[in-house]
C-alpha atoms as a PDB file:
ATOM      1  CA  MET A   1       9.964   4.650 -48.291  1.00  0.00           C
ATOM      2  CA  THR A   2      11.270   2.113 -45.773  1.00  0.00           C
ATOM      3  CA  TYR A   3       9.282   1.697 -42.551  1.00  0.00           C
ATOM      4  CA  ARG A   4      10.228  -0.091 -39.340  1.00  0.00           C
ATOM      5  CA  TYR A   5       6.732  -1.572 -39.130  1.00  0.00           C
ATOM      6  CA  ALA A   6       5.718  -1.774 -42.763  1.00  0.00           C
ATOM      7  CA  ASN A   7       2.718  -4.024 -42.080  1.00  0.00           C
ATOM      8  CA  ALA A   8       1.237  -1.676 -39.483  1.00  0.00           C
ATOM      9  CA  VAL A   9      -0.498   1.693 -39.777  1.00  0.00           C
ATOM     10  CA  ILE A  10      -1.062   4.733 -37.576  1.00  0.00           C
ATOM     11  CA  VAL A  11      -4.574   6.153 -37.882  1.00  0.00           C
ATOM     12  CA  VAL A  12      -4.980   9.804 -36.877  1.00  0.00           C
ATOM     13  CA  PHE A  13      -8.494  11.084 -36.213  1.00  0.00           C
ATOM     14  CA  CYS A  14      -8.906  14.801 -36.863  1.00  0.00           C
ATOM     15  CA  LYS A  15     -11.692  17.351 -37.210  1.00  0.00           C
ATOM     16  CA  ALA A  16     -11.546  20.234 -39.668  1.00  0.00           C
ATOM     17  CA  PRO A  17     -10.503  23.437 -37.832  1.00  0.00           C
ATOM     18  CA  VAL A  18     -13.827  25.230 -38.219  1.00  0.00           C
ATOM     19  CA  PRO A  19     -14.102  28.062 -35.633  1.00  0.00           C
ATOM     20  CA  GLY A  20     -16.852  27.344 -33.152  1.00  0.00           C
ATOM     21  CA  GLN A  21     -16.770  23.594 -33.860  1.00  0.00           C
ATOM     22  CA  VAL A  22     -13.397  22.562 -32.400  1.00  0.00           C
ATOM     23  CA  LYS A  23     -11.891  22.997 -28.948  1.00  0.00           C
ATOM     24  CA  THR A  24     -15.137  24.567 -27.773  1.00  0.00           C
ATOM     25  CA  ARG A  25     -14.247  24.097 -24.099  1.00  0.00           C
ATOM     26  CA  LEU A  26     -11.395  26.558 -24.603  1.00  0.00           C
ATOM     27  CA  MET A  27     -13.883  29.202 -25.680  1.00  0.00           C
ATOM     28  CA  THR A  28     -14.608  30.247 -22.102  1.00  0.00           C
ATOM     29  CA  LYS A  29     -11.215  32.013 -22.299  1.00  0.00           C
ATOM     30  CA  LEU A  30     -10.446  32.142 -26.032  1.00  0.00           C
ATOM     31  CA  SER A  31     -12.321  33.274 -29.108  1.00  0.00           C
ATOM     32  CA  ALA A  32     -13.592  30.699 -31.584  1.00  0.00           C
ATOM     33  CA  ASP A  33     -10.772  31.617 -33.964  1.00  0.00           C
ATOM     34  CA  GLU A  34      -8.146  31.301 -31.234  1.00  0.00           C
ATOM     35  CA  ALA A  35      -9.500  27.910 -30.191  1.00  0.00           C
ATOM     36  CA  ALA A  36      -9.357  26.770 -33.822  1.00  0.00           C
ATOM     37  CA  GLU A  37      -5.726  27.895 -33.995  1.00  0.00           C
ATOM     38  CA  ILE A  38      -4.913  25.709 -30.988  1.00  0.00           C
ATOM     39  CA  HIS A  39      -6.603  22.801 -32.753  1.00  0.00           C
ATOM     40  CA  ILE A  40      -4.474  23.436 -35.835  1.00  0.00           C
ATOM     41  CA  GLU A  41      -1.288  23.524 -33.778  1.00  0.00           C
ATOM     42  CA  LEU A  42      -2.129  20.288 -32.009  1.00  0.00           C
ATOM     43  CA  SER A  43      -3.094  18.596 -35.264  1.00  0.00           C
ATOM     44  CA  ILE A  44       0.156  19.602 -36.971  1.00  0.00           C
ATOM     45  CA  ARG A  45       2.143  18.473 -33.954  1.00  0.00           C
ATOM     46  CA  THR A  46       0.397  15.086 -34.072  1.00  0.00           C
ATOM     47  CA  LEU A  47       1.164  14.620 -37.760  1.00  0.00           C
ATOM     48  CA  GLN A  48       4.786  15.578 -37.166  1.00  0.00           C
ATOM     49  CA  LEU A  49       4.918  13.053 -34.325  1.00  0.00           C
ATOM     50  CA  ALA A  50       3.337  10.254 -36.336  1.00  0.00           C
ATOM     51  CA  THR A  51       5.497  10.715 -39.423  1.00  0.00           C
ATOM     52  CA  LYS A  52       8.845  11.851 -38.002  1.00  0.00           C
ATOM     53  CA  LEU A  53      10.459   8.440 -37.396  1.00  0.00           C
ATOM     54  CA  GLN A  54       8.856   6.709 -40.398  1.00  0.00           C
ATOM     55  CA  LEU A  55       7.576   3.962 -38.139  1.00  0.00           C
ATOM     56  CA  CYS A  56       4.814   2.911 -40.528  1.00  0.00           C
ATOM     57  CA  PRO A  57       2.288   4.379 -42.990  1.00  0.00           C
ATOM     58  CA  VAL A  58       0.041   7.116 -41.557  1.00  0.00           C
ATOM     59  CA  GLU A  59      -3.587   7.694 -42.510  1.00  0.00           C
ATOM     60  CA  LEU A  60      -5.477  10.853 -41.586  1.00  0.00           C
ATOM     61  CA  TRP A  61      -9.155  10.102 -41.004  1.00  0.00           C
ATOM     62  CA  CYS A  62     -11.065  13.340 -41.396  1.00  0.00           C
ATOM     63  CA  ALA A  63     -14.360  14.856 -40.255  1.00  0.00           C
ATOM     64  CA  PRO A  64     -16.707  16.103 -41.475  1.00  0.00           C
ATOM     65  CA  THR A  65     -15.077  15.802 -44.936  1.00  0.00           C
ATOM     66  CA  HIS A  66     -11.577  15.003 -46.138  1.00  0.00           C
ATOM     67  CA  GLU A  67     -11.983  17.700 -48.806  1.00  0.00           C
ATOM     68  CA  HIS A  68     -11.558  20.576 -46.324  1.00  0.00           C
ATOM     69  CA  SER A  69      -8.604  22.808 -47.286  1.00  0.00           C
ATOM     70  CA  PHE A  70      -6.771  22.068 -44.041  1.00  0.00           C
ATOM     71  CA  PHE A  71      -6.628  18.371 -44.849  1.00  0.00           C
ATOM     72  CA  THR A  72      -5.648  18.798 -48.474  1.00  0.00           C
ATOM     73  CA  THR A  73      -2.904  21.225 -47.444  1.00  0.00           C
ATOM     74  CA  VAL A  74      -1.331  19.011 -44.789  1.00  0.00           C
ATOM     75  CA  ALA A  75      -1.509  16.028 -47.137  1.00  0.00           C
ATOM     76  CA  GLU A  76       0.880  17.925 -49.423  1.00  0.00           C
ATOM     77  CA  SER A  77       3.348  18.457 -46.563  1.00  0.00           C
ATOM     78  CA  TYR A  78       3.347  15.054 -44.869  1.00  0.00           C
ATOM     79  CA  SER A  79       3.484  11.457 -46.093  1.00  0.00           C
ATOM     80  CA  ILE A  80      -0.131  10.702 -45.278  1.00  0.00           C
ATOM     81  CA  SER A  81      -3.275   9.602 -47.063  1.00  0.00           C
ATOM     82  CA  LEU A  82      -6.708  11.122 -46.450  1.00  0.00           C
ATOM     83  CA  HIS A  83      -9.791   9.132 -45.496  1.00  0.00           C
ATOM     84  CA  GLN A  84     -13.344   9.966 -44.467  1.00  0.00           C
ATOM     85  CA  GLN A  85     -14.645   9.195 -40.976  1.00  0.00           C
ATOM     86  CA  TYR A  86     -18.080   7.592 -41.037  1.00  0.00           C
ATOM     87  CA  GLY A  87     -20.460   6.484 -38.301  1.00  0.00           C
ATOM     88  CA  ALA A  88     -23.091   7.794 -35.910  1.00  0.00           C
ATOM     89  CA  ASP A  89     -20.748   8.453 -32.980  1.00  0.00           C
ATOM     90  CA  ILE A  90     -17.057   8.340 -32.136  1.00  0.00           C
ATOM     91  CA  GLY A  91     -17.240   4.659 -31.210  1.00  0.00           C
ATOM     92  CA  GLU A  92     -18.772   3.669 -34.523  1.00  0.00           C
ATOM     93  CA  LYS A  93     -16.306   5.878 -36.389  1.00  0.00           C
ATOM     94  CA  MET A  94     -13.331   4.256 -34.675  1.00  0.00           C
ATOM     95  CA  ARG A  95     -14.759   0.779 -35.179  1.00  0.00           C
ATOM     96  CA  ASN A  96     -15.286   1.414 -38.896  1.00  0.00           C
ATOM     97  CA  ALA A  97     -11.854   2.936 -39.371  1.00  0.00           C
ATOM     98  CA  MET A  98     -10.113   0.065 -37.595  1.00  0.00           C
ATOM     99  CA  ALA A  99     -12.048  -2.515 -39.596  1.00  0.00           C
ATOM    100  CA  SER A 100     -11.027  -0.754 -42.803  1.00  0.00           C
ATOM    101  CA  VAL A 101      -7.313  -0.476 -42.069  1.00  0.00           C
ATOM    102  CA  LEU A 102      -7.042  -3.966 -40.580  1.00  0.00           C
ATOM    103  CA  ASP A 103      -8.294  -5.305 -43.886  1.00  0.00           C
ATOM    104  CA  ARG A 104      -5.105  -3.842 -45.369  1.00  0.00           C
ATOM    105  CA  TYR A 105      -2.579  -4.039 -42.512  1.00  0.00           C
ATOM    106  CA  THR A 106      -1.760  -6.564 -39.784  1.00  0.00           C
ATOM    107  CA  ALA A 107      -1.798  -4.004 -36.946  1.00  0.00           C
ATOM    108  CA  ALA A 108      -3.213  -0.525 -36.375  1.00  0.00           C
ATOM    109  CA  VAL A 109      -2.765   2.215 -33.780  1.00  0.00           C
ATOM    110  CA  LEU A 110      -5.439   4.930 -33.600  1.00  0.00           C
ATOM    111  CA  ILE A 111      -4.838   8.307 -31.968  1.00  0.00           C
ATOM    112  CA  GLY A 112      -6.521  11.697 -31.835  1.00  0.00           C
ATOM    113  CA  CYS A 113      -5.008  15.157 -32.207  1.00  0.00           C
ATOM    114  CA  ASP A 114      -5.275  16.640 -28.727  1.00  0.00           C
ATOM    115  CA  CYS A 115      -2.713  14.758 -26.625  1.00  0.00           C
ATOM    116  CA  PRO A 116       0.418  16.920 -26.203  1.00  0.00           C
ATOM    117  CA  SER A 117       2.003  14.449 -23.778  1.00  0.00           C
ATOM    118  CA  MET A 118       2.319  11.702 -26.396  1.00  0.00           C
ATOM    119  CA  THR A 119       5.777  10.925 -27.791  1.00  0.00           C
ATOM    120  CA  GLU A 120       7.266   8.924 -30.638  1.00  0.00           C
ATOM    121  CA  ASN A 121       8.337   6.343 -28.061  1.00  0.00           C
ATOM    122  CA  ASP A 122       4.703   5.853 -27.027  1.00  0.00           C
ATOM    123  CA  LEU A 123       3.751   5.132 -30.638  1.00  0.00           C
ATOM    124  CA  GLU A 124       6.586   2.648 -31.066  1.00  0.00           C
ATOM    125  CA  GLN A 125       5.697   0.903 -27.804  1.00  0.00           C
ATOM    126  CA  ALA A 126       2.130   0.531 -29.043  1.00  0.00           C
ATOM    127  CA  LEU A 127       3.243  -0.944 -32.368  1.00  0.00           C
ATOM    128  CA  THR A 128       5.615  -3.355 -30.620  1.00  0.00           C
ATOM    129  CA  ALA A 129       2.864  -4.459 -28.222  1.00  0.00           C
ATOM    130  CA  LEU A 130       0.796  -5.670 -31.180  1.00  0.00           C
ATOM    131  CA  ASP A 131       3.253  -8.417 -32.091  1.00  0.00           C
ATOM    132  CA  ARG A 132       1.267 -11.057 -30.189  1.00  0.00           C
ATOM    133  CA  PRO A 133      -1.947 -12.484 -31.712  1.00  0.00           C
ATOM    134  CA  ASN A 134      -5.300 -11.096 -30.522  1.00  0.00           C
ATOM    135  CA  SER A 135      -3.681  -8.083 -28.893  1.00  0.00           C
ATOM    136  CA  CYS A 136      -5.009  -4.745 -27.734  1.00  0.00           C
ATOM    137  CA  VAL A 137      -3.026  -1.801 -26.415  1.00  0.00           C
ATOM    138  CA  LEU A 138      -4.451   1.278 -24.675  1.00  0.00           C
ATOM    139  CA  ALA A 139      -2.994   4.505 -23.332  1.00  0.00           C
ATOM    140  CA  PRO A 140      -5.321   5.758 -20.584  1.00  0.00           C
ATOM    141  CA  ALA A 141      -6.101   9.444 -20.155  1.00  0.00           C
ATOM    142  CA  GLU A 142      -6.325  11.313 -16.869  1.00  0.00           C
ATOM    143  CA  ASP A 143      -9.973  12.196 -17.557  1.00  0.00           C
ATOM    144  CA  GLY A 144     -11.074   8.548 -17.664  1.00  0.00           C
ATOM    145  CA  GLY A 145     -10.870   8.063 -21.405  1.00  0.00           C
ATOM    146  CA  TYR A 146      -7.992   6.917 -23.568  1.00  0.00           C
ATOM    147  CA  VAL A 147      -5.741   8.660 -26.084  1.00  0.00           C
ATOM    148  CA  LEU A 148      -4.531   5.628 -28.041  1.00  0.00           C
ATOM    149  CA  ILE A 149      -5.903   2.226 -28.976  1.00  0.00           C
ATOM    150  CA  GLY A 150      -4.128  -0.447 -30.950  1.00  0.00           C
ATOM    151  CA  LEU A 151      -5.446  -3.708 -32.392  1.00  0.00           C
ATOM    152  CA  ASN A 152      -4.159  -6.433 -34.692  1.00  0.00           C
ATOM    153  CA  GLN A 153      -7.545  -7.699 -35.785  1.00  0.00           C
ATOM    154  CA  PRO A 154     -11.005  -6.091 -35.919  1.00  0.00           C
ATOM    155  CA  GLN A 155     -12.734  -6.115 -32.534  1.00  0.00           C
ATOM    156  CA  SER A 156     -16.079  -4.388 -32.992  1.00  0.00           C
ATOM    157  CA  ARG A 157     -17.225  -5.107 -29.444  1.00  0.00           C
ATOM    158  CA  VAL A 158     -14.381  -3.002 -28.038  1.00  0.00           C
ATOM    159  CA  PHE A 159     -16.230   0.056 -29.381  1.00  0.00           C
ATOM    160  CA  ASP A 160     -19.856  -0.969 -28.757  1.00  0.00           C
ATOM    161  CA  ASN A 161     -22.043   0.396 -25.941  1.00  0.00           C
ATOM    162  CA  ILE A 162     -19.355   2.588 -24.388  1.00  0.00           C
ATOM    163  CA  ALA A 163     -20.375   5.796 -22.575  1.00  0.00           C
ATOM    164  CA  TRP A 164     -18.362   8.028 -24.907  1.00  0.00           C
ATOM    165  CA  GLY A 165     -17.426  11.443 -23.565  1.00  0.00           C
ATOM    166  CA  THR A 166     -17.570  10.345 -19.928  1.00  0.00           C
ATOM    167  CA  GLU A 167     -15.063   9.303 -17.274  1.00  0.00           C
ATOM    168  CA  LEU A 168     -16.249   5.693 -17.728  1.00  0.00           C
ATOM    169  CA  VAL A 169     -14.756   5.154 -21.194  1.00  0.00           C
ATOM    170  CA  TYR A 170     -11.479   3.570 -20.153  1.00  0.00           C
ATOM    171  CA  ALA A 171     -12.964   1.351 -17.445  1.00  0.00           C
ATOM    172  CA  GLN A 172     -15.728   0.100 -19.723  1.00  0.00           C
ATOM    173  CA  THR A 173     -13.293  -0.547 -22.572  1.00  0.00           C
ATOM    174  CA  ARG A 174     -10.905  -2.343 -20.241  1.00  0.00           C
ATOM    175  CA  ALA A 175     -13.738  -4.578 -19.002  1.00  0.00           C
ATOM    176  CA  ARG A 176     -14.699  -5.363 -22.610  1.00  0.00           C
ATOM    177  CA  ILE A 177     -11.113  -6.330 -23.400  1.00  0.00           C
ATOM    178  CA  ASP A 178     -11.169  -8.742 -20.458  1.00  0.00           C
ATOM    179  CA  GLN A 179     -14.432 -10.245 -21.707  1.00  0.00           C
ATOM    180  CA  LEU A 180     -12.876 -10.823 -25.119  1.00  0.00           C
ATOM    181  CA  ASN A 181      -9.796 -12.399 -23.525  1.00  0.00           C
ATOM    182  CA  LEU A 182      -7.415 -10.259 -25.552  1.00  0.00           C
ATOM    183  CA  ASN A 183      -3.704  -9.974 -24.861  1.00  0.00           C
ATOM    184  CA  PHE A 184      -3.689  -6.555 -23.239  1.00  0.00           C
ATOM    185  CA  VAL A 185      -0.919  -3.991 -22.819  1.00  0.00           C
ATOM    186  CA  GLU A 186      -1.430  -0.717 -20.969  1.00  0.00           C
ATOM    187  CA  LEU A 187       0.845   2.203 -21.803  1.00  0.00           C
ATOM    188  CA  LYS A 188       1.565   5.113 -19.489  1.00  0.00           C
ATOM    189  CA  GLN A 189      -1.223   7.536 -18.609  1.00  0.00           C
ATOM    190  CA  GLN A 190      -1.501  10.661 -20.778  1.00  0.00           C
ATOM    191  CA  TRP A 191      -3.550  13.862 -20.767  1.00  0.00           C
ATOM    192  CA  ASP A 192      -5.648  15.700 -23.326  1.00  0.00           C
ATOM    193  CA  LEU A 193      -5.709  19.428 -23.983  1.00  0.00           C
ATOM    194  CA  ASP A 194      -9.391  20.296 -23.663  1.00  0.00           C
ATOM    195  CA  THR A 195      -9.798  23.099 -21.119  1.00  0.00           C
ATOM    196  CA  PRO A 196      -8.153  26.480 -20.415  1.00  0.00           C
ATOM    197  CA  GLU A 197      -6.469  24.812 -17.436  1.00  0.00           C
ATOM    198  CA  ASP A 198      -5.015  22.173 -19.758  1.00  0.00           C
ATOM    199  CA  LEU A 199      -3.660  24.924 -22.015  1.00  0.00           C
ATOM    200  CA  LEU A 200      -1.971  26.627 -19.068  1.00  0.00           C
ATOM    201  CA  ARG A 201      -0.508  23.302 -18.009  1.00  0.00           C
ATOM    202  CA  TYR A 202       0.885  22.815 -21.475  1.00  0.00           C
ATOM    203  CA  ARG A 203       2.273  26.321 -21.816  1.00  0.00           C
ATOM    204  CA  SER A 204       4.104  25.943 -18.503  1.00  0.00           C
ATOM    205  CA  GLY A 205       5.567  22.565 -19.483  1.00  0.00           C
ATOM    206  CA  SER A 206       8.935  21.606 -20.911  1.00  0.00           C
ATOM    207  CA  VAL A 207      10.308  22.944 -24.169  1.00  0.00           C
ATOM    208  CA  GLU A 208       9.714  19.566 -25.778  1.00  0.00           C
ATOM    209  CA  GLN A 209       6.017  19.791 -24.919  1.00  0.00           C
ATOM    210  CA  GLN A 210       5.405  23.320 -26.169  1.00  0.00           C
ATOM    211  CA  LEU A 211       2.979  23.805 -29.021  1.00  0.00           C
ATOM    212  CA  THR A 212       4.846  24.533 -32.242  1.00  0.00           C
ATOM    213  CA  ARG A 213       3.504  27.489 -34.145  1.00  0.00           C
ATOM    214  CA  VAL A 214       2.933  26.362 -37.701  1.00  0.00           C
ATOM    215  CA  THR A 215       4.730  28.686 -40.088  1.00  0.00           C
ATOM    216  CA  THR A 216       5.699  26.320 -42.887  1.00  0.00           C
ATOM    217  CA  VAL A 217       2.227  25.146 -43.860  1.00  0.00           C
ATOM    218  CA  GLU A 218       0.268  27.933 -45.490  1.00  0.00           C
ATOM    219  CA  GLY A 219      -3.477  28.163 -45.652  1.00  0.00           C
ATOM    220  CA  VAL A 220      -4.185  25.586 -42.963  1.00  0.00           C
ATOM    221  CA  ASN A 221      -6.674  27.817 -41.165  1.00  0.00           C
ATOM    222  CA  GLU A 222      -8.859  28.483 -44.163  1.00  0.00           C
ATOM    223  CA  ALA A 223     -12.481  27.385 -43.794  1.00  0.00           C
END
């Protein structure tokens, strides 16, 4: 397969769609099974997005185990490899994943699975931004976090001592990038789908933003 950015990689972080353990903030309006279905839809959409243009290799970093049937099923449908997340918190998991892939590639872009506003163009902009040495690219989120981070060499301090899960994540990460004197590029602001209000916002959006019901991948919602 020929990639536009053969020396780069897109890292997708994803949780197994176990009812009651994913998209729990949706469960004030949806059942655990319904929330898990939304997670599946978003995850499939993200994999479609990451692989559609064949920008670069794509790795799916899984939690709690890459052996879950959802992961093994999607790996048969998309050109991706499966890897295990490891670390005490999300910061340590991202740091470890980036260190691993940057031992094998010259640039890496890490995304999650719950950002319906992200486009292929955003991914390509991030990869292009990593052409300069000692670079970091971020896509801020409306809630104070970020939905994408890109690096072209391991930067463990970017992930250390950040107040994960709070509205301070982006500001603290941005300050750390300044301290490290990295070449920084900020992409456009995005939004995550976490709450029932976010789901309504998405459902009322453009056709291009609508969640795609997954009918071609069988068995993805098996526990």
